[in-house]
């Protein structure tokens, strides 16, 4: 009855809306039927898989079916290759892609015919309508697996355009806009971009990322997502001064995802980098955030004192 009601609603209105509505209904109906054919324990496993992986019901069903409904094995398969069941990438026009690349190769960059330099990249960003501090610029570099900032080799360009399934500027813009919108809900994709940025941002000869560069990239990546980023930045400028290690960079994302903005659930005994421990101590003292561990220590002191006497 619910399906019939929805279908009648979609059939009303103008023809264009009908087509869009019927397509949406078809997708919804397919998922509805597929889920309702599952047994109770299978639906429970789908729900658990989605919670653990932040994926979707169809993805969960595909991996669980492949793993014969063994959820541990299905989860392992997913994290080994999240795109295992994605459709193959359609072919793109290599000649068109190479011509597009050549149009951005500038002689003044003096990098040869098979490498786009800073001037060409700037012109590319202008054509895309992005400023250099736009997160979509990082997405572009990530999809192209760029090894050097503000440069693309011909091979990186072709591999990246193929991954984006694009052979024109308009197609690149459309695909990057879609990917950027997905980052707010897809933690796996955001982590992929986040981890790429560390390697992309630092010189190959260094193990750490320069603090100012790290702060700039955090601004681009997080936007308003990191509620107390201003305090983190203040702490770094006042107390740290040094570079940001890969360990600190990586675990800061876990910190953002799991720790409350008042730091009340932060556990000093957890496996956090020293720099994050120091930040929490700094913030609790300066901004008077609650410290549950201090209360426990005080209670232990009182108990020890009482038992002594």
C-alpha atoms as a PDB file:
ATOM      1  CA  UNK A   1       0.000   0.000   0.000  1.00  0.00           C
ATOM      2  CA  UNK A   2       2.846   2.379   0.848  1.00  0.00           C
ATOM      3  CA  UNK A   3       4.517   1.685  -2.522  1.00  0.00           C
ATOM      4  CA  UNK A   4       1.252   2.381  -4.390  1.00  0.00           C
ATOM      5  CA  UNK A   5       0.746   5.670  -2.537  1.00  0.00           C
ATOM      6  CA  UNK A   6       4.289   6.830  -3.326  1.00  0.00           C
ATOM      7  CA  UNK A   7       3.945   5.790  -6.981  1.00  0.00           C
ATOM      8  CA  UNK A   8       0.686   7.721  -7.372  1.00  0.00           C
ATOM      9  CA  UNK A   9       2.349  10.791  -5.878  1.00  0.00           C
ATOM     10  CA  UNK A  10       5.290  10.524  -8.248  1.00  0.00           C
ATOM     11  CA  UNK A  11       3.015  10.122 -11.274  1.00  0.00           C
ATOM     12  CA  UNK A  12       1.384  13.476 -10.609  1.00  0.00           C
ATOM     13  CA  UNK A  13       2.996  16.750 -11.768  1.00  0.00           C
ATOM     14  CA  UNK A  14       4.956  17.655 -14.872  1.00  0.00           C
ATOM     15  CA  UNK A  15       6.732  15.052 -17.092  1.00  0.00           C
ATOM     16  CA  UNK A  16      10.240  16.070 -16.051  1.00  0.00           C
ATOM     17  CA  UNK A  17       9.467  15.632 -12.377  1.00  0.00           C
ATOM     18  CA  UNK A  18       7.780  12.317 -13.207  1.00  0.00           C
ATOM     19  CA  UNK A  19      10.967  10.941 -14.729  1.00  0.00           C
ATOM     20  CA  UNK A  20      13.123  12.069 -11.806  1.00  0.00           C
ATOM     21  CA  UNK A  21      10.560  10.828  -9.323  1.00  0.00           C
ATOM     22  CA  UNK A  22      10.161   7.444 -10.995  1.00  0.00           C
ATOM     23  CA  UNK A  23      13.932   6.978 -11.049  1.00  0.00           C
ATOM     24  CA  UNK A  24      14.151   7.797  -7.320  1.00  0.00           C
ATOM     25  CA  UNK A  25      11.195   5.487  -6.646  1.00  0.00           C
ATOM     26  CA  UNK A  26      12.845   2.670  -8.594  1.00  0.00           C
ATOM     27  CA  UNK A  27      16.022   2.943  -6.507  1.00  0.00           C
ATOM     28  CA  UNK A  28      14.069   3.138  -3.275  1.00  0.00           C
ATOM     29  CA  UNK A  29      11.810   0.225  -4.247  1.00  0.00           C
ATOM     30  CA  UNK A  30      14.794  -1.968  -5.195  1.00  0.00           C
ATOM     31  CA  UNK A  31      16.441  -1.337  -1.803  1.00  0.00           C
ATOM     32  CA  UNK A  32      13.114  -1.854  -0.002  1.00  0.00           C
ATOM     33  CA  UNK A  33      12.521  -5.257  -1.635  1.00  0.00           C
ATOM     34  CA  UNK A  34      16.121  -6.375  -1.134  1.00  0.00           C
ATOM     35  CA  UNK A  35      16.147  -5.528   2.584  1.00  0.00           C
ATOM     36  CA  UNK A  36      12.769  -7.139   3.227  1.00  0.00           C
ATOM     37  CA  UNK A  37      13.879 -10.408   1.659  1.00  0.00           C
ATOM     38  CA  UNK A  38      16.560 -10.764   4.297  1.00  0.00           C
ATOM     39  CA  UNK A  39      16.145 -12.782   7.460  1.00  0.00           C
ATOM     40  CA  UNK A  40      16.035 -10.985  10.799  1.00  0.00           C
ATOM     41  CA  UNK A  41      19.635 -11.878  11.716  1.00  0.00           C
ATOM     42  CA  UNK A  42      20.809 -10.801   8.261  1.00  0.00           C
ATOM     43  CA  UNK A  43      19.132  -7.400   8.588  1.00  0.00           C
ATOM     44  CA  UNK A  44      20.803  -7.047  11.982  1.00  0.00           C
ATOM     45  CA  UNK A  45      24.194  -7.772  10.409  1.00  0.00           C
ATOM     46  CA  UNK A  46      23.528  -5.221   7.652  1.00  0.00           C
ATOM     47  CA  UNK A  47      22.768  -2.601  10.303  1.00  0.00           C
ATOM     48  CA  UNK A  48      25.935  -3.436  12.263  1.00  0.00           C
ATOM     49  CA  UNK A  49      28.078  -3.412   9.111  1.00  0.00           C
ATOM     50  CA  UNK A  50      26.759   0.033   8.123  1.00  0.00           C
ATOM     51  CA  UNK A  51      27.452   1.391  11.632  1.00  0.00           C
ATOM     52  CA  UNK A  52      31.006   0.044  11.673  1.00  0.00           C
ATOM     53  CA  UNK A  53      31.974   1.079   8.150  1.00  0.00           C
ATOM     54  CA  UNK A  54      29.811   4.200   7.635  1.00  0.00           C
ATOM     55  CA  UNK A  55      28.760   2.696   4.286  1.00  0.00           C
ATOM     56  CA  UNK A  56      25.301   1.988   2.826  1.00  0.00           C
ATOM     57  CA  UNK A  57      22.804  -0.894   2.955  1.00  0.00           C
ATOM     58  CA  UNK A  58      23.521  -2.088  -0.625  1.00  0.00           C
ATOM     59  CA  UNK A  59      27.265  -2.044   0.070  1.00  0.00           C
ATOM     60  CA  UNK A  60      26.725  -3.991   3.300  1.00  0.00           C
ATOM     61  CA  UNK A  61      24.607  -6.612   1.536  1.00  0.00           C
ATOM     62  CA  UNK A  62      27.210  -7.033  -1.233  1.00  0.00           C
ATOM     63  CA  UNK A  63      30.102  -7.589   1.196  1.00  0.00           C
ATOM     64  CA  UNK A  64      28.110  -9.792   3.577  1.00  0.00           C
ATOM     65  CA  UNK A  65      26.893 -11.955   0.713  1.00  0.00           C
ATOM     66  CA  UNK A  66      30.471 -12.295  -0.547  1.00  0.00           C
ATOM     67  CA  UNK A  67      31.560 -13.322   2.980  1.00  0.00           C
ATOM     68  CA  UNK A  68      28.692 -15.817   3.365  1.00  0.00           C
ATOM     69  CA  UNK A  69      27.212 -13.499   6.046  1.00  0.00           C
ATOM     70  CA  UNK A  70      30.272 -13.711   8.268  1.00  0.00           C
ATOM     71  CA  UNK A  71      30.324 -10.111   9.500  1.00  0.00           C
ATOM     72  CA  UNK A  72      33.958 -10.164  10.685  1.00  0.00           C
ATOM     73  CA  UNK A  73      35.167 -11.435   7.300  1.00  0.00           C
ATOM     74  CA  UNK A  74      32.867  -8.998   5.457  1.00  0.00           C
ATOM     75  CA  UNK A  75      34.259  -6.080   7.457  1.00  0.00           C
ATOM     76  CA  UNK A  76      37.816  -7.190   6.718  1.00  0.00           C
ATOM     77  CA  UNK A  77      36.996  -7.404   3.000  1.00  0.00           C
ATOM     78  CA  UNK A  78      35.545  -3.894   3.099  1.00  0.00           C
ATOM     79  CA  UNK A  79      38.538  -2.262   4.764  1.00  0.00           C
ATOM     80  CA  UNK A  80      40.919  -4.139   2.450  1.00  0.00           C
ATOM     81  CA  UNK A  81      39.065  -2.851  -0.621  1.00  0.00           C
ATOM     82  CA  UNK A  82      36.052  -0.539  -0.016  1.00  0.00           C
ATOM     83  CA  UNK A  83      35.435  -0.244  -3.764  1.00  0.00           C
ATOM     84  CA  UNK A  84      35.364  -3.982  -4.463  1.00  0.00           C
ATOM     85  CA  UNK A  85      31.815  -3.891  -5.821  1.00  0.00           C
ATOM     86  CA  UNK A  86      31.884  -0.529  -7.565  1.00  0.00           C
ATOM     87  CA  UNK A  87      31.123  -0.574 -11.257  1.00  0.00           C
ATOM     88  CA  UNK A  88      34.101  -0.509 -13.582  1.00  0.00           C
ATOM     89  CA  UNK A  89      35.169   2.959 -14.651  1.00  0.00           C
ATOM     90  CA  UNK A  90      33.961   3.775 -18.169  1.00  0.00           C
ATOM     91  CA  UNK A  91      36.640   4.539 -20.720  1.00  0.00           C
ATOM     92  CA  UNK A  92      37.577   8.139 -21.425  1.00  0.00           C
ATOM     93  CA  UNK A  93      39.022   9.801 -24.504  1.00  0.00           C
ATOM     94  CA  UNK A  94      42.783   9.722 -23.888  1.00  0.00           C
ATOM     95  CA  UNK A  95      43.557  11.969 -26.841  1.00  0.00           C
ATOM     96  CA  UNK A  96      41.093  14.585 -25.595  1.00  0.00           C
ATOM     97  CA  UNK A  97      42.583  14.370 -22.094  1.00  0.00           C
ATOM     98  CA  UNK A  98      46.134  14.818 -23.421  1.00  0.00           C
ATOM     99  CA  UNK A  99      45.099  17.826 -25.493  1.00  0.00           C
ATOM    100  CA  UNK A 100      43.463  19.374 -22.443  1.00  0.00           C
ATOM    101  CA  UNK A 101      46.652  18.770 -20.460  1.00  0.00           C
ATOM    102  CA  UNK A 102      48.800  20.387 -23.156  1.00  0.00           C
ATOM    103  CA  UNK A 103      46.631  23.496 -23.066  1.00  0.00           C
ATOM    104  CA  UNK A 104      47.784  24.095 -19.481  1.00  0.00           C
ATOM    105  CA  UNK A 105      51.503  23.497 -20.033  1.00  0.00           C
ATOM    106  CA  UNK A 106      53.229  26.887 -19.784  1.00  0.00           C
ATOM    107  CA  UNK A 107      56.680  27.505 -21.230  1.00  0.00           C
ATOM    108  CA  UNK A 108      57.483  29.901 -18.389  1.00  0.00           C
ATOM    109  CA  UNK A 109      57.311  26.995 -15.912  1.00  0.00           C
ATOM    110  CA  UNK A 110      60.223  25.366 -17.784  1.00  0.00           C
ATOM    111  CA  UNK A 111      59.136  21.831 -16.876  1.00  0.00           C
ATOM    112  CA  UNK A 112      58.828  20.389 -20.359  1.00  0.00           C
ATOM    113  CA  UNK A 113      55.855  19.258 -22.418  1.00  0.00           C
ATOM    114  CA  UNK A 114      54.861  16.451 -20.052  1.00  0.00           C
ATOM    115  CA  UNK A 115      54.561  18.430 -16.838  1.00  0.00           C
ATOM    116  CA  UNK A 116      52.104  21.152 -15.816  1.00  0.00           C
ATOM    117  CA  UNK A 117      53.682  23.760 -13.531  1.00  0.00           C
ATOM    118  CA  UNK A 118      52.400  26.428 -11.109  1.00  0.00           C
ATOM    119  CA  UNK A 119      51.307  28.883 -13.824  1.00  0.00           C
ATOM    120  CA  UNK A 120      49.353  26.200 -15.657  1.00  0.00           C
ATOM    121  CA  UNK A 121      47.790  24.932 -12.422  1.00  0.00           C
ATOM    122  CA  UNK A 122      46.716  28.461 -11.507  1.00  0.00           C
ATOM    123  CA  UNK A 123      45.025  28.834 -14.875  1.00  0.00           C
ATOM    124  CA  UNK A 124      43.351  25.460 -14.387  1.00  0.00           C
ATOM    125  CA  UNK A 125      41.981  26.569 -11.010  1.00  0.00           C
ATOM    126  CA  UNK A 126      40.710  29.794 -12.570  1.00  0.00           C
ATOM    127  CA  UNK A 127      38.846  27.787 -15.211  1.00  0.00           C
ATOM    128  CA  UNK A 128      37.392  25.527 -12.515  1.00  0.00           C
ATOM    129  CA  UNK A 129      36.354  28.572 -10.481  1.00  0.00           C
ATOM    130  CA  UNK A 130      38.323  27.501  -7.388  1.00  0.00           C
ATOM    131  CA  UNK A 131      40.630  29.615  -5.251  1.00  0.00           C
ATOM    132  CA  UNK A 132      43.839  27.935  -4.039  1.00  0.00           C
ATOM    133  CA  UNK A 133      42.435  27.525  -0.490  1.00  0.00           C
ATOM    134  CA  UNK A 134      39.375  25.601  -1.674  1.00  0.00           C
ATOM    135  CA  UNK A 135      39.138  22.041  -0.347  1.00  0.00           C
ATOM    136  CA  UNK A 136      38.253  20.863  -3.841  1.00  0.00           C
ATOM    137  CA  UNK A 137      41.797  21.771  -4.916  1.00  0.00           C
ATOM    138  CA  UNK A 138      43.101  19.208  -2.429  1.00  0.00           C
ATOM    139  CA  UNK A 139      40.558  16.723  -3.741  1.00  0.00           C
ATOM    140  CA  UNK A 140      41.874  17.322  -7.245  1.00  0.00           C
ATOM    141  CA  UNK A 141      45.450  16.666  -6.122  1.00  0.00           C
ATOM    142  CA  UNK A 142      44.344  13.583  -4.197  1.00  0.00           C
ATOM    143  CA  UNK A 143      42.439  12.074  -7.121  1.00  0.00           C
ATOM    144  CA  UNK A 144      45.422  12.753  -9.387  1.00  0.00           C
ATOM    145  CA  UNK A 145      47.779  11.299  -6.727  1.00  0.00           C
ATOM    146  CA  UNK A 146      49.992  14.323  -7.235  1.00  0.00           C
ATOM    147  CA  UNK A 147      53.502  13.950  -5.840  1.00  0.00           C
ATOM    148  CA  UNK A 148      54.425  17.649  -5.957  1.00  0.00           C
ATOM    149  CA  UNK A 149      52.407  20.692  -4.941  1.00  0.00           C
ATOM    150  CA  UNK A 150      51.236  22.908  -7.826  1.00  0.00           C
ATOM    151  CA  UNK A 151      52.400  20.416 -10.449  1.00  0.00           C
ATOM    152  CA  UNK A 152      50.880  17.535 -12.418  1.00  0.00           C
ATOM    153  CA  UNK A 153      52.713  15.096 -14.634  1.00  0.00           C
ATOM    154  CA  UNK A 154      50.988  13.866 -17.791  1.00  0.00           C
ATOM    155  CA  UNK A 155      50.615  10.403 -16.246  1.00  0.00           C
ATOM    156  CA  UNK A 156      49.095  11.825 -13.039  1.00  0.00           C
ATOM    157  CA  UNK A 157      46.739  13.892 -15.180  1.00  0.00           C
ATOM    158  CA  UNK A 158      45.559  10.932 -17.227  1.00  0.00           C
ATOM    159  CA  UNK A 159      45.162   8.612 -14.231  1.00  0.00           C
ATOM    160  CA  UNK A 160      43.307  11.328 -12.314  1.00  0.00           C
ATOM    161  CA  UNK A 161      40.969  12.203 -15.165  1.00  0.00           C
ATOM    162  CA  UNK A 162      40.255   8.508 -15.674  1.00  0.00           C
ATOM    163  CA  UNK A 163      39.475   8.100 -11.957  1.00  0.00           C
ATOM    164  CA  UNK A 164      37.125  11.089 -12.139  1.00  0.00           C
ATOM    165  CA  UNK A 165      35.605   9.733 -15.378  1.00  0.00           C
ATOM    166  CA  UNK A 166      36.091  13.145 -16.942  1.00  0.00           C
ATOM    167  CA  UNK A 167      37.628  14.536 -20.120  1.00  0.00           C
ATOM    168  CA  UNK A 168      36.552  18.168 -19.844  1.00  0.00           C
ATOM    169  CA  UNK A 169      36.794  21.013 -17.336  1.00  0.00           C
ATOM    170  CA  UNK A 170      33.034  21.003 -16.791  1.00  0.00           C
ATOM    171  CA  UNK A 171      33.082  17.270 -16.006  1.00  0.00           C
ATOM    172  CA  UNK A 172      35.988  17.697 -13.569  1.00  0.00           C
ATOM    173  CA  UNK A 173      34.169  20.524 -11.774  1.00  0.00           C
ATOM    174  CA  UNK A 174      30.949  18.534 -11.530  1.00  0.00           C
ATOM    175  CA  UNK A 175      32.709  15.439 -10.186  1.00  0.00           C
ATOM    176  CA  UNK A 176      34.808  17.367  -7.637  1.00  0.00           C
ATOM    177  CA  UNK A 177      31.740  19.234  -6.386  1.00  0.00           C
ATOM    178  CA  UNK A 178      29.976  15.911  -5.835  1.00  0.00           C
ATOM    179  CA  UNK A 179      32.965  14.384  -4.049  1.00  0.00           C
ATOM    180  CA  UNK A 180      33.333  17.440  -1.815  1.00  0.00           C
ATOM    181  CA  UNK A 181      29.679  17.216  -0.765  1.00  0.00           C
ATOM    182  CA  UNK A 182      30.172  13.534   0.111  1.00  0.00           C
ATOM    183  CA  UNK A 183      33.028  14.276   2.535  1.00  0.00           C
ATOM    184  CA  UNK A 184      30.710  15.529   5.293  1.00  0.00           C
ATOM    185  CA  UNK A 185      28.949  12.155   5.537  1.00  0.00           C
ATOM    186  CA  UNK A 186      31.594   9.687   4.331  1.00  0.00           C
ATOM    187  CA  UNK A 187      34.321   9.427   6.964  1.00  0.00           C
ATOM    188  CA  UNK A 188      36.293   6.892   4.951  1.00  0.00           C
ATOM    189  CA  UNK A 189      36.618   9.273   1.987  1.00  0.00           C
ATOM    190  CA  UNK A 190      37.465  12.185   4.276  1.00  0.00           C
ATOM    191  CA  UNK A 191      40.180  10.137   5.984  1.00  0.00           C
ATOM    192  CA  UNK A 192      41.618   9.227   2.597  1.00  0.00           C
ATOM    193  CA  UNK A 193      41.882  12.912   1.675  1.00  0.00           C
ATOM    194  CA  UNK A 194      43.161  13.824   5.150  1.00  0.00           C
ATOM    195  CA  UNK A 195      45.965  11.233   5.095  1.00  0.00           C
ATOM    196  CA  UNK A 196      46.940  12.183   1.543  1.00  0.00           C
ATOM    197  CA  UNK A 197      47.294  15.841   2.573  1.00  0.00           C
ATOM    198  CA  UNK A 198      50.075  15.108   5.073  1.00  0.00           C
ATOM    199  CA  UNK A 199      52.296  13.469   2.458  1.00  0.00           C
ATOM    200  CA  UNK A 200      51.351  16.033  -0.172  1.00  0.00           C
ATOM    201  CA  UNK A 201      52.054  19.007   2.065  1.00  0.00           C
ATOM    202  CA  UNK A 202      55.511  18.130   3.333  1.00  0.00           C
ATOM    203  CA  UNK A 203      58.833  18.065   1.464  1.00  0.00           C
ATOM    204  CA  UNK A 204      59.905  14.529   0.582  1.00  0.00           C
ATOM    205  CA  UNK A 205      63.110  14.977   2.590  1.00  0.00           C
ATOM    206  CA  UNK A 206      61.270  15.757   5.840  1.00  0.00           C
ATOM    207  CA  UNK A 207      59.370  13.444   8.190  1.00  0.00           C
ATOM    208  CA  UNK A 208      57.225  16.176   9.743  1.00  0.00           C
ATOM    209  CA  UNK A 209      54.911  18.816   8.339  1.00  0.00           C
ATOM    210  CA  UNK A 210      55.802  22.449   8.992  1.00  0.00           C
ATOM    211  CA  UNK A 211      53.435  23.858  11.638  1.00  0.00           C
ATOM    212  CA  UNK A 212      52.236  26.820   9.570  1.00  0.00           C
ATOM    213  CA  UNK A 213      51.573  24.552   6.603  1.00  0.00           C
ATOM    214  CA  UNK A 214      49.706  22.093   8.836  1.00  0.00           C
ATOM    215  CA  UNK A 215      47.529  24.859  10.281  1.00  0.00           C
ATOM    216  CA  UNK A 216      46.734  26.142   6.789  1.00  0.00           C
ATOM    217  CA  UNK A 217      45.731  22.670   5.597  1.00  0.00           C
ATOM    218  CA  UNK A 218      43.629  22.030   8.718  1.00  0.00           C
ATOM    219  CA  UNK A 219      41.703  25.214   7.960  1.00  0.00           C
ATOM    220  CA  UNK A 220      41.043  23.969   4.429  1.00  0.00           C
ATOM    221  CA  UNK A 221      40.119  20.430   5.469  1.00  0.00           C
ATOM    222  CA  UNK A 222      37.979  20.991   8.545  1.00  0.00           C
ATOM    223  CA  UNK A 223      36.252  24.313   7.976  1.00  0.00           C
ATOM    224  CA  UNK A 224      33.775  24.506  10.882  1.00  0.00           C
ATOM    225  CA  UNK A 225      33.969  20.772  11.647  1.00  0.00           C
ATOM    226  CA  UNK A 226      36.606  21.134  14.417  1.00  0.00           C
ATOM    227  CA  UNK A 227      34.755  23.150  17.086  1.00  0.00           C
ATOM    228  CA  UNK A 228      37.798  24.052  19.144  1.00  0.00           C
ATOM    229  CA  UNK A 229      40.263  24.451  16.295  1.00  0.00           C
ATOM    230  CA  UNK A 230      40.898  28.051  17.342  1.00  0.00           C
ATOM    231  CA  UNK A 231      42.135  26.833  20.728  1.00  0.00           C
ATOM    232  CA  UNK A 232      44.251  24.104  19.105  1.00  0.00           C
ATOM    233  CA  UNK A 233      45.860  26.697  16.817  1.00  0.00           C
ATOM    234  CA  UNK A 234      46.410  29.070  19.740  1.00  0.00           C
ATOM    235  CA  UNK A 235      48.084  26.291  21.733  1.00  0.00           C
ATOM    236  CA  UNK A 236      50.404  25.377  18.868  1.00  0.00           C
ATOM    237  CA  UNK A 237      51.517  28.976  18.335  1.00  0.00           C
ATOM    238  CA  UNK A 238      52.059  29.646  22.041  1.00  0.00           C
ATOM    239  CA  UNK A 239      53.445  26.344  23.271  1.00  0.00           C
ATOM    240  CA  UNK A 240      54.708  24.174  20.423  1.00  0.00           C
ATOM    241  CA  UNK A 241      56.506  26.032  17.625  1.00  0.00           C
ATOM    242  CA  UNK A 242      57.830  22.787  16.066  1.00  0.00           C
ATOM    243  CA  UNK A 243      56.630  20.548  13.241  1.00  0.00           C
ATOM    244  CA  UNK A 244      53.665  18.164  13.175  1.00  0.00           C
ATOM    245  CA  UNK A 245      54.507  14.467  13.069  1.00  0.00           C
ATOM    246  CA  UNK A 246      52.517  11.946  11.052  1.00  0.00           C
ATOM    247  CA  UNK A 247      51.297  10.320  14.283  1.00  0.00           C
ATOM    248  CA  UNK A 248      49.921  13.607  15.616  1.00  0.00           C
ATOM    249  CA  UNK A 249      48.397  14.488  12.244  1.00  0.00           C
ATOM    250  CA  UNK A 250      46.649  11.122  11.911  1.00  0.00           C
ATOM    251  CA  UNK A 251      45.329  10.885  15.459  1.00  0.00           C
ATOM    252  CA  UNK A 252      44.064  14.462  15.504  1.00  0.00           C
ATOM    253  CA  UNK A 253      41.327  13.288  13.127  1.00  0.00           C
ATOM    254  CA  UNK A 254      40.292  10.610  15.651  1.00  0.00           C
ATOM    255  CA  UNK A 255      40.353  13.321  18.300  1.00  0.00           C
ATOM    256  CA  UNK A 256      38.001  15.488  16.207  1.00  0.00           C
ATOM    257  CA  UNK A 257      35.633  12.567  15.600  1.00  0.00           C
ATOM    258  CA  UNK A 258      35.480  11.191  19.145  1.00  0.00           C
ATOM    259  CA  UNK A 259      36.258  13.882  21.750  1.00  0.00           C
ATOM    260  CA  UNK A 260      33.606  16.297  23.000  1.00  0.00           C
ATOM    261  CA  UNK A 261      34.180  20.019  22.571  1.00  0.00           C
ATOM    262  CA  UNK A 262      34.573  20.467  26.357  1.00  0.00           C
ATOM    263  CA  UNK A 263      37.137  17.585  26.413  1.00  0.00           C
ATOM    264  CA  UNK A 264      35.142  15.882  29.191  1.00  0.00           C
ATOM    265  CA  UNK A 265      35.540  12.403  27.649  1.00  0.00           C
ATOM    266  CA  UNK A 266      39.262  12.705  26.946  1.00  0.00           C
ATOM    267  CA  UNK A 267      41.279   9.900  28.559  1.00  0.00           C
ATOM    268  CA  UNK A 268      44.892  10.793  29.335  1.00  0.00           C
ATOM    269  CA  UNK A 269      45.670   7.087  29.581  1.00  0.00           C
ATOM    270  CA  UNK A 270      44.573   6.538  25.977  1.00  0.00           C
ATOM    271  CA  UNK A 271      47.069   6.116  23.150  1.00  0.00           C
ATOM    272  CA  UNK A 272      47.169   9.811  22.253  1.00  0.00           C
ATOM    273  CA  UNK A 273      50.310  11.623  21.055  1.00  0.00           C
ATOM    274  CA  UNK A 274      52.098  13.723  23.668  1.00  0.00           C
ATOM    275  CA  UNK A 275      51.247  16.928  21.809  1.00  0.00           C
ATOM    276  CA  UNK A 276      47.501  16.246  22.079  1.00  0.00           C
ATOM    277  CA  UNK A 277      47.902  15.394  25.788  1.00  0.00           C
ATOM    278  CA  UNK A 278      49.644  18.733  26.267  1.00  0.00           C
ATOM    279  CA  UNK A 279      46.891  20.552  24.405  1.00  0.00           C
ATOM    280  CA  UNK A 280      44.177  19.044  26.605  1.00  0.00           C
ATOM    281  CA  UNK A 281      46.088  20.004  29.737  1.00  0.00           C
ATOM    282  CA  UNK A 282      46.568  23.530  28.342  1.00  0.00           C
ATOM    283  CA  UNK A 283      42.887  23.924  27.363  1.00  0.00           C
ATOM    284  CA  UNK A 284      41.528  22.578  30.669  1.00  0.00           C
ATOM    285  CA  UNK A 285      43.657  25.000  32.625  1.00  0.00           C
ATOM    286  CA  UNK A 286      43.083  28.048  30.410  1.00  0.00           C
ATOM    287  CA  UNK A 287      39.393  27.545  29.584  1.00  0.00           C
ATOM    288  CA  UNK A 288      38.354  25.741  32.768  1.00  0.00           C
ATOM    289  CA  UNK A 289      37.112  22.648  30.986  1.00  0.00           C
ATOM    290  CA  UNK A 290      35.984  19.763  33.222  1.00  0.00           C
ATOM    291  CA  UNK A 291      38.607  17.218  34.178  1.00  0.00           C
ATOM    292  CA  UNK A 292      37.006  13.958  35.377  1.00  0.00           C
ATOM    293  CA  UNK A 293      40.418  12.445  36.075  1.00  0.00           C
ATOM    294  CA  UNK A 294      41.252  15.243  38.504  1.00  0.00           C
ATOM    295  CA  UNK A 295      38.053  14.492  40.453  1.00  0.00           C
ATOM    296  CA  UNK A 296      38.944  10.811  40.586  1.00  0.00           C
ATOM    297  CA  UNK A 297      42.449  11.592  41.786  1.00  0.00           C
ATOM    298  CA  UNK A 298      41.061  13.893  44.483  1.00  0.00           C
ATOM    299  CA  UNK A 299      38.622  11.202  45.598  1.00  0.00           C
ATOM    300  CA  UNK A 300      41.435   8.657  45.724  1.00  0.00           C
ATOM    301  CA  UNK A 301      43.488  11.035  47.881  1.00  0.00           C
ATOM    302  CA  UNK A 302      40.564  11.475  50.272  1.00  0.00           C
ATOM    303  CA  UNK A 303      39.996   7.712  50.437  1.00  0.00           C
ATOM    304  CA  UNK A 304      43.678   7.074  51.069  1.00  0.00           C
ATOM    305  CA  UNK A 305      43.730   9.757  53.776  1.00  0.00           C
ATOM    306  CA  UNK A 306      40.621   8.319  55.458  1.00  0.00           C
ATOM    307  CA  UNK A 307      41.942   4.767  55.432  1.00  0.00           C
ATOM    308  CA  UNK A 308      45.263   5.937  56.881  1.00  0.00           C
ATOM    309  CA  UNK A 309      43.555   7.526  59.852  1.00  0.00           C
END
